[in-house]
Amino acid sequence: MASNLKLDRDRQARFSTDAGDYVCNYSMYVILDYVKRHHLPTRFGFVHIPHDYNLAKAKRFLLSATKAIYR
């Protein structure tokens, strides 16, 4: 399943078809499956921010991402 949430990204961000390791993959799969089975009119995406990523940039990106949900 693919995310249905489209976000603007900076040059360091990239799309991925892999949501990460086991817990990340499982979490994304379960939520997307739930949304699909219940025909929910919602957008969902998984944002992984590496532990060593710049905190200020991460904050700006997450604020931008949450605004995108309401567009």
C-alpha atoms as a PDB file:
ATOM      1  CA  MET A   1       0.000   0.000   0.000  1.00  0.00           C
ATOM      2  CA  ALA A   2       1.169   3.498  -0.728  1.00  0.00           C
ATOM      3  CA  SER A   3       0.643   6.653   1.272  1.00  0.00           C
ATOM      4  CA  ASN A   4      -2.059   8.948  -0.018  1.00  0.00           C
ATOM      5  CA  LEU A   5      -0.643  12.061   1.656  1.00  0.00           C
ATOM      6  CA  LYS A   6       1.392  14.225  -0.699  1.00  0.00           C
ATOM      7  CA  LEU A   7       3.785  16.662   0.945  1.00  0.00           C
ATOM      8  CA  ASP A   8       6.172  19.313  -0.284  1.00  0.00           C
ATOM      9  CA  ARG A   9       9.713  18.382   0.574  1.00  0.00           C
ATOM     10  CA  ASP A  10      13.105  20.006   0.641  1.00  0.00           C
ATOM     11  CA  ARG A  11      16.100  18.700  -1.262  1.00  0.00           C
ATOM     12  CA  GLN A  12      17.156  16.444   1.627  1.00  0.00           C
ATOM     13  CA  ALA A  13      13.800  14.699   1.901  1.00  0.00           C
ATOM     14  CA  ARG A  14      12.818  11.868  -0.398  1.00  0.00           C
ATOM     15  CA  PHE A  15       9.942   9.528  -1.049  1.00  0.00           C
ATOM     16  CA  SER A  16      10.413   5.962   0.000  1.00  0.00           C
ATOM     17  CA  THR A  17       8.538   2.753  -0.649  1.00  0.00           C
ATOM     18  CA  ASP A  18       9.925   1.388   2.604  1.00  0.00           C
ATOM     19  CA  ALA A  19       8.523   2.762   5.842  1.00  0.00           C
ATOM     20  CA  GLY A  20      11.493   1.534   7.822  1.00  0.00           C
ATOM     21  CA  ASP A  21      12.167  -1.395  10.061  1.00  0.00           C
ATOM     22  CA  TYR A  22       9.644  -3.800  11.509  1.00  0.00           C
ATOM     23  CA  VAL A  23       7.717  -1.489  13.860  1.00  0.00           C
ATOM     24  CA  CYS A  24       7.531   1.336  11.314  1.00  0.00           C
ATOM     25  CA  ASN A  25       6.414  -1.013   8.525  1.00  0.00           C
ATOM     26  CA  TYR A  26       3.843  -2.692  10.725  1.00  0.00           C
ATOM     27  CA  SER A  27       2.437   0.598  12.033  1.00  0.00           C
ATOM     28  CA  MET A  28       2.054   2.047   8.556  1.00  0.00           C
ATOM     29  CA  TYR A  29       0.513  -1.133   7.156  1.00  0.00           C
ATOM     30  CA  VAL A  30      -2.036  -1.439   9.967  1.00  0.00           C
ATOM     31  CA  ILE A  31      -3.162   2.179   9.696  1.00  0.00           C
ATOM     32  CA  LEU A  32      -3.376   2.154   5.883  1.00  0.00           C
ATOM     33  CA  ASP A  33      -5.266  -1.137   5.965  1.00  0.00           C
ATOM     34  CA  TYR A  34      -7.734   0.267   8.500  1.00  0.00           C
ATOM     35  CA  VAL A  35      -8.288   3.415   6.418  1.00  0.00           C
ATOM     36  CA  LYS A  36      -8.850   1.321   3.290  1.00  0.00           C
ATOM     37  CA  ARG A  37     -11.169  -1.280   4.875  1.00  0.00           C
ATOM     38  CA  HIS A  38     -13.338   1.392   6.480  1.00  0.00           C
ATOM     39  CA  HIS A  39     -13.348   3.610   3.376  1.00  0.00           C
ATOM     40  CA  LEU A  40     -12.296   6.564   5.482  1.00  0.00           C
ATOM     41  CA  PRO A  41     -11.977   9.891   3.693  1.00  0.00           C
ATOM     42  CA  THR A  42      -8.615  10.610   5.247  1.00  0.00           C
ATOM     43  CA  ARG A  43      -5.054  11.067   4.137  1.00  0.00           C
ATOM     44  CA  PHE A  44      -2.241   9.271   5.863  1.00  0.00           C
ATOM     45  CA  GLY A  45       1.493   9.261   5.495  1.00  0.00           C
ATOM     46  CA  PHE A  46       4.390   8.048   7.561  1.00  0.00           C
ATOM     47  CA  VAL A  47       7.137  10.538   8.318  1.00  0.00           C
ATOM     48  CA  HIS A  48      10.409   9.104   9.566  1.00  0.00           C
ATOM     49  CA  ILE A  49      12.845  11.623  10.940  1.00  0.00           C
ATOM     50  CA  PRO A  50      16.292  10.202  11.669  1.00  0.00           C
ATOM     51  CA  HIS A  51      17.533  10.678  15.230  1.00  0.00           C
ATOM     52  CA  ASP A  52      20.456  12.781  14.029  1.00  0.00           C
ATOM     53  CA  TYR A  53      18.383  15.075  11.798  1.00  0.00           C
ATOM     54  CA  ASN A  54      18.447  18.804  12.513  1.00  0.00           C
ATOM     55  CA  LEU A  55      15.699  19.443  15.083  1.00  0.00           C
ATOM     56  CA  ALA A  56      14.748  22.894  13.753  1.00  0.00           C
ATOM     57  CA  LYS A  57      14.372  21.532  10.202  1.00  0.00           C
ATOM     58  CA  ALA A  58      12.349  18.582  11.477  1.00  0.00           C
ATOM     59  CA  LYS A  59      10.030  20.919  13.365  1.00  0.00           C
ATOM     60  CA  ARG A  60       9.491  23.107  10.282  1.00  0.00           C
ATOM     61  CA  PHE A  61       8.788  20.052   8.141  1.00  0.00           C
ATOM     62  CA  LEU A  62       6.309  18.569  10.621  1.00  0.00           C
ATOM     63  CA  LEU A  63       4.473  21.880  10.956  1.00  0.00           C
ATOM     64  CA  SER A  64       4.262  22.061   7.176  1.00  0.00           C
ATOM     65  CA  ALA A  65       3.082  18.455   6.986  1.00  0.00           C
ATOM     66  CA  THR A  66       0.311  18.966   9.520  1.00  0.00           C
ATOM     67  CA  LYS A  67      -0.885  22.029   7.613  1.00  0.00           C
ATOM     68  CA  ALA A  68      -1.014  19.916   4.434  1.00  0.00           C
ATOM     69  CA  ILE A  69      -3.480  17.586   6.111  1.00  0.00           C
ATOM     70  CA  TYR A  70      -6.014  20.371   6.341  1.00  0.00           C
ATOM     71  CA  ARG A  71      -5.714  21.530   2.710  1.00  0.00           C
END
